[in-house]
C-alpha atoms as a PDB file:
ATOM      1  CA  MET A   1     -54.318 159.746-107.164  1.00  0.00           C
ATOM      2  CA  PHE A   2     -52.556 156.398-107.724  1.00  0.00           C
ATOM      3  CA  ARG A   3     -52.998 156.798-111.499  1.00  0.00           C
ATOM      4  CA  VAL A   4     -51.352 160.248-111.414  1.00  0.00           C
ATOM      5  CA  VAL A   5     -48.356 158.878-109.476  1.00  0.00           C
ATOM      6  CA  VAL A   6     -48.015 155.930-111.887  1.00  0.00           C
ATOM      7  CA  CYS A   7     -48.298 158.297-114.867  1.00  0.00           C
ATOM      8  CA  ILE A   8     -45.607 160.649-113.492  1.00  0.00           C
ATOM      9  CA  ALA A   9     -43.328 157.701-112.664  1.00  0.00           C
ATOM     10  CA  GLY A  10     -43.809 156.363-116.201  1.00  0.00           C
ATOM     11  CA  LEU A  11     -42.896 159.717-117.729  1.00  0.00           C
ATOM     12  CA  LEU A  12     -39.782 159.972-115.575  1.00  0.00           C
ATOM     13  CA  LEU A  13     -38.664 156.458-116.525  1.00  0.00           C
ATOM     14  CA  CYS A  14     -39.376 157.176-120.176  1.00  0.00           C
ATOM     15  CA  GLY A  15     -37.222 160.310-119.975  1.00  0.00           C
ATOM     16  CA  ILE A  16     -34.385 158.329-118.428  1.00  0.00           C
ATOM     17  CA  GLY A  17     -34.619 155.742-121.201  1.00  0.00           C
ATOM     18  CA  LEU A  18     -34.504 158.420-123.909  1.00  0.00           C
ATOM     19  CA  ALA A  19     -31.525 160.291-122.448  1.00  0.00           C
ATOM     20  CA  ALA A  20     -28.422 160.173-124.625  1.00  0.00           C
ATOM     21  CA  GLU A  21     -25.933 157.539-123.573  1.00  0.00           C
ATOM     22  CA  PRO A  22     -22.319 158.666-123.182  1.00  0.00           C
ATOM     23  CA  THR A  23     -20.243 157.696-126.209  1.00  0.00           C
ATOM     24  CA  GLY A  24     -17.059 157.124-124.236  1.00  0.00           C
ATOM     25  CA  LYS A  25     -15.156 159.392-126.637  1.00  0.00           C
ATOM     26  CA  HIS A  26     -14.806 163.096-126.088  1.00  0.00           C
ATOM     27  CA  LEU A  27     -17.055 164.987-128.509  1.00  0.00           C
ATOM     28  CA  LEU A  28     -14.459 167.715-129.169  1.00  0.00           C
ATOM     29  CA  LEU A  29     -12.051 165.239-130.773  1.00  0.00           C
ATOM     30  CA  GLY A  30     -11.202 166.193-134.345  1.00  0.00           C
ATOM     31  CA  THR A  31      -9.980 169.152-136.357  1.00  0.00           C
ATOM     32  CA  TRP A  32     -11.465 172.627-135.987  1.00  0.00           C
ATOM     33  CA  SER A  33     -10.867 175.963-137.735  1.00  0.00           C
ATOM     34  CA  VAL A  34     -11.632 179.603-136.994  1.00  0.00           C
ATOM     35  CA  ASP A  35     -13.352 181.959-139.445  1.00  0.00           C
ATOM     36  CA  VAL A  36     -10.464 184.439-139.521  1.00  0.00           C
ATOM     37  CA  ALA A  37     -12.688 187.100-141.153  1.00  0.00           C
ATOM     38  CA  LYS A  38     -14.383 187.441-137.751  1.00  0.00           C
ATOM     39  CA  ILE A  39     -11.149 188.038-135.823  1.00  0.00           C
ATOM     40  CA  GLN A  40     -11.137 191.664-134.726  1.00  0.00           C
ATOM     41  CA  GLN A  41      -7.468 192.570-134.572  1.00  0.00           C
ATOM     42  CA  PRO A  42      -4.964 194.295-136.823  1.00  0.00           C
ATOM     43  CA  ASN A  43      -3.308 191.883-139.282  1.00  0.00           C
ATOM     44  CA  PRO A  44      -5.364 188.786-138.429  1.00  0.00           C
ATOM     45  CA  PRO A  45      -3.843 185.397-139.248  1.00  0.00           C
ATOM     46  CA  ARG A  46      -4.551 183.674-142.567  1.00  0.00           C
ATOM     47  CA  SER A  47      -5.782 180.563-140.750  1.00  0.00           C
ATOM     48  CA  VAL A  48      -6.058 178.988-137.295  1.00  0.00           C
ATOM     49  CA  THR A  49      -6.551 175.231-136.888  1.00  0.00           C
ATOM     50  CA  LEU A  50      -6.935 173.187-133.704  1.00  0.00           C
ATOM     51  CA  THR A  51      -6.643 169.395-133.583  1.00  0.00           C
ATOM     52  CA  LEU A  52      -7.592 167.356-130.518  1.00  0.00           C
ATOM     53  CA  GLU A  53      -6.906 163.613-130.594  1.00  0.00           C
ATOM     54  CA  GLU A  54      -6.518 160.694-128.227  1.00  0.00           C
ATOM     55  CA  SER A  55      -2.914 159.926-127.327  1.00  0.00           C
ATOM     56  CA  GLY A  56      -2.596 156.695-125.393  1.00  0.00           C
ATOM     57  CA  ALA A  57      -4.316 155.658-122.174  1.00  0.00           C
ATOM     58  CA  ASP A  58      -6.429 158.522-120.812  1.00  0.00           C
ATOM     59  CA  ALA A  59      -4.284 161.123-122.586  1.00  0.00           C
ATOM     60  CA  TYR A  60      -4.948 163.650-125.341  1.00  0.00           C
ATOM     61  CA  HIS A  61      -2.807 165.625-127.759  1.00  0.00           C
ATOM     62  CA  MET A  62      -3.775 169.157-128.764  1.00  0.00           C
ATOM     63  CA  ALA A  63      -2.089 171.099-131.559  1.00  0.00           C
ATOM     64  CA  VAL A  64      -2.901 174.640-132.696  1.00  0.00           C
ATOM     65  CA  THR A  65      -1.427 175.863-135.977  1.00  0.00           C
ATOM     66  CA  ILE A  66      -1.555 179.557-136.841  1.00  0.00           C
ATOM     67  CA  GLU A  67      -0.672 180.762-140.308  1.00  0.00           C
ATOM     68  CA  ALA A  68       0.479 184.386-140.022  1.00  0.00           C
ATOM     69  CA  PRO A  69      -0.369 187.077-142.595  1.00  0.00           C
ATOM     70  CA  ASP A  70       3.095 186.595-144.183  1.00  0.00           C
ATOM     71  CA  GLY A  71       2.507 182.833-144.609  1.00  0.00           C
ATOM     72  CA  SER A  72       4.786 181.690-141.786  1.00  0.00           C
ATOM     73  CA  ARG A  73       3.375 179.066-139.418  1.00  0.00           C
ATOM     74  CA  ILE A  74       3.458 178.743-135.647  1.00  0.00           C
ATOM     75  CA  LYS A  75       2.539 175.389-134.105  1.00  0.00           C
ATOM     76  CA  SER A  76       1.815 175.042-130.405  1.00  0.00           C
ATOM     77  CA  GLU A  77       1.219 171.565-129.044  1.00  0.00           C
ATOM     78  CA  GLY A  78       1.228 169.342-126.020  1.00  0.00           C
ATOM     79  CA  THR A  79      -0.022 166.053-124.618  1.00  0.00           C
ATOM     80  CA  PHE A  80      -2.057 166.061-121.423  1.00  0.00           C
ATOM     81  CA  LYS A  81      -4.182 163.953-119.111  1.00  0.00           C
ATOM     82  CA  PRO A  82      -7.471 165.684-118.288  1.00  0.00           C
ATOM     83  CA  ASP A  83      -6.875 165.418-114.541  1.00  0.00           C
ATOM     84  CA  GLY A  84      -5.782 169.002-113.895  1.00  0.00           C
ATOM     85  CA  SER A  85      -2.076 168.204-113.642  1.00  0.00           C
ATOM     86  CA  ALA A  86       0.313 170.781-115.096  1.00  0.00           C
ATOM     87  CA  VAL A  87       2.206 169.920-118.294  1.00  0.00           C
ATOM     88  CA  LYS A  88       4.681 171.850-120.407  1.00  0.00           C
ATOM     89  CA  VAL A  89       3.672 172.847-123.932  1.00  0.00           C
ATOM     90  CA  GLY A  90       5.848 174.038-126.767  1.00  0.00           C
ATOM     91  CA  GLY A  91       5.643 176.651-129.464  1.00  0.00           C
ATOM     92  CA  ASN A  92       3.270 179.122-127.801  1.00  0.00           C
ATOM     93  CA  GLN A  93       4.146 182.763-127.157  1.00  0.00           C
ATOM     94  CA  ASP A  94       1.358 183.229-124.569  1.00  0.00           C
ATOM     95  CA  PHE A  95       1.862 180.225-122.269  1.00  0.00           C
ATOM     96  CA  ASP A  96       4.334 177.443-121.565  1.00  0.00           C
ATOM     97  CA  VAL A  97       2.443 175.372-118.954  1.00  0.00           C
ATOM     98  CA  VAL A  98      -1.198 174.252-118.995  1.00  0.00           C
ATOM     99  CA  SER A  99      -3.609 172.360-116.770  1.00  0.00           C
ATOM    100  CA  MET A 100      -6.535 170.654-118.552  1.00  0.00           C
ATOM    101  CA  THR A 101      -9.791 169.048-117.435  1.00  0.00           C
ATOM    102  CA  MET A 102     -12.759 167.623-119.321  1.00  0.00           C
ATOM    103  CA  PRO A 103     -15.779 168.050-117.022  1.00  0.00           C
ATOM    104  CA  SER A 104     -18.053 166.485-119.654  1.00  0.00           C
ATOM    105  CA  GLU A 105     -17.883 164.952-123.148  1.00  0.00           C
ATOM    106  CA  ARG A 106     -18.807 168.403-124.505  1.00  0.00           C
ATOM    107  CA  MET A 107     -16.309 170.599-122.606  1.00  0.00           C
ATOM    108  CA  LEU A 108     -12.610 171.218-122.228  1.00  0.00           C
ATOM    109  CA  VAL A 109     -11.176 173.634-119.638  1.00  0.00           C
ATOM    110  CA  MET A 110      -7.607 174.936-119.671  1.00  0.00           C
ATOM    111  CA  ALA A 111      -5.685 177.124-117.233  1.00  0.00           C
ATOM    112  CA  SER A 112      -2.338 178.406-118.475  1.00  0.00           C
ATOM    113  CA  ALA A 113       0.783 180.142-117.217  1.00  0.00           C
ATOM    114  CA  PHE A 114       3.777 181.793-118.839  1.00  0.00           C
ATOM    115  CA  MET A 115       7.180 182.013-117.177  1.00  0.00           C
ATOM    116  CA  GLY A 116       5.686 181.192-113.782  1.00  0.00           C
ATOM    117  CA  HIS A 117       2.792 183.683-113.942  1.00  0.00           C
ATOM    118  CA  PRO A 118      -0.934 183.067-114.618  1.00  0.00           C
ATOM    119  CA  ALA A 119      -1.757 183.741-118.278  1.00  0.00           C
ATOM    120  CA  SER A 120      -5.322 182.772-119.200  1.00  0.00           C
ATOM    121  CA  THR A 121      -8.256 180.449-118.709  1.00  0.00           C
ATOM    122  CA  ARG A 122     -10.052 178.946-121.695  1.00  0.00           C
ATOM    123  CA  VAL A 123     -13.269 176.980-121.898  1.00  0.00           C
ATOM    124  CA  TRP A 124     -14.290 175.119-125.054  1.00  0.00           C
ATOM    125  CA  SER A 125     -17.862 173.841-125.342  1.00  0.00           C
ATOM    126  CA  LEU A 126     -19.641 171.979-128.131  1.00  0.00           C
ATOM    127  CA  SER A 127     -22.704 173.487-129.810  1.00  0.00           C
ATOM    128  CA  ASP A 128     -25.954 171.508-129.674  1.00  0.00           C
ATOM    129  CA  ASP A 129     -25.629 170.435-133.324  1.00  0.00           C
ATOM    130  CA  GLY A 130     -22.010 169.313-132.828  1.00  0.00           C
ATOM    131  CA  LYS A 131     -20.741 171.406-135.761  1.00  0.00           C
ATOM    132  CA  GLN A 132     -19.260 174.290-133.797  1.00  0.00           C
ATOM    133  CA  MET A 133     -17.125 174.685-130.727  1.00  0.00           C
ATOM    134  CA  VAL A 134     -17.247 177.929-128.750  1.00  0.00           C
ATOM    135  CA  GLU A 135     -14.084 179.006-126.942  1.00  0.00           C
ATOM    136  CA  THR A 136     -14.254 181.581-124.169  1.00  0.00           C
ATOM    137  CA  ALA A 137     -10.779 182.926-123.415  1.00  0.00           C
ATOM    138  CA  ILE A 138     -10.304 184.902-120.207  1.00  0.00           C
ATOM    139  CA  ARG A 139      -7.190 187.055-120.080  1.00  0.00           C
ATOM    140  CA  TYR A 140      -5.944 189.993-118.025  1.00  0.00           C
ATOM    141  CA  LEU A 141      -4.829 193.522-118.829  1.00  0.00           C
ATOM    142  CA  PRO A 142      -1.512 194.685-117.297  1.00  0.00           C
ATOM    143  CA  ASP A 143      -3.421 196.262-114.367  1.00  0.00           C
ATOM    144  CA  GLY A 144      -5.103 192.901-113.616  1.00  0.00           C
ATOM    145  CA  THR A 145      -8.500 193.711-115.134  1.00  0.00           C
ATOM    146  CA  PRO A 146     -10.004 190.575-116.687  1.00  0.00           C
ATOM    147  CA  TYR A 147     -11.520 190.541-120.161  1.00  0.00           C
ATOM    148  CA  GLN A 148     -13.080 187.830-122.292  1.00  0.00           C
ATOM    149  CA  ARG A 149     -12.866 186.932-125.954  1.00  0.00           C
ATOM    150  CA  VAL A 150     -15.267 184.486-127.618  1.00  0.00           C
ATOM    151  CA  ILE A 151     -14.076 182.485-130.630  1.00  0.00           C
ATOM    152  CA  THR A 152     -16.248 180.150-132.701  1.00  0.00           C
ATOM    153  CA  TRP A 153     -14.570 177.115-134.252  1.00  0.00           C
ATOM    154  CA  THR A 154     -16.105 175.022-137.054  1.00  0.00           C
ATOM    155  CA  ARG A 155     -15.531 171.279-137.389  1.00  0.00           C
ATOM    156  CA  LYS A 156     -13.521 170.386-140.494  1.00  0.00           C
END
């Protein structure tokens, strides 16, 4: 019986020793792009790029650039602390205020509002291989019915 307990304790300690250590940097940092061929909407954009970078002490800057079918570009960006506080963002037609948190090194969660009304919730999570980021966007129809859209981003 003692040997079984020692063996189990050894396996548990071994597992703890092999667990990945936090890197200290958020794993979604970098530049990401969407495969626009997979966007199911009329007149999809030519390209969509998201950049997430550190911006001073405990702050991050996110910029999303959309190239429209006619070649014009829209850039939405803002700097935030991942503490859930609301910050204004510019250049976006869907929201003008966001609240961001980073519950782990592999996730980013955003709640947004537009002109004082709730707009959407978005969750970005890193794939196991670190090459893709999956965004789940939760929005609402005019009658309040929620719907979700899943977008896969590839690291550039």
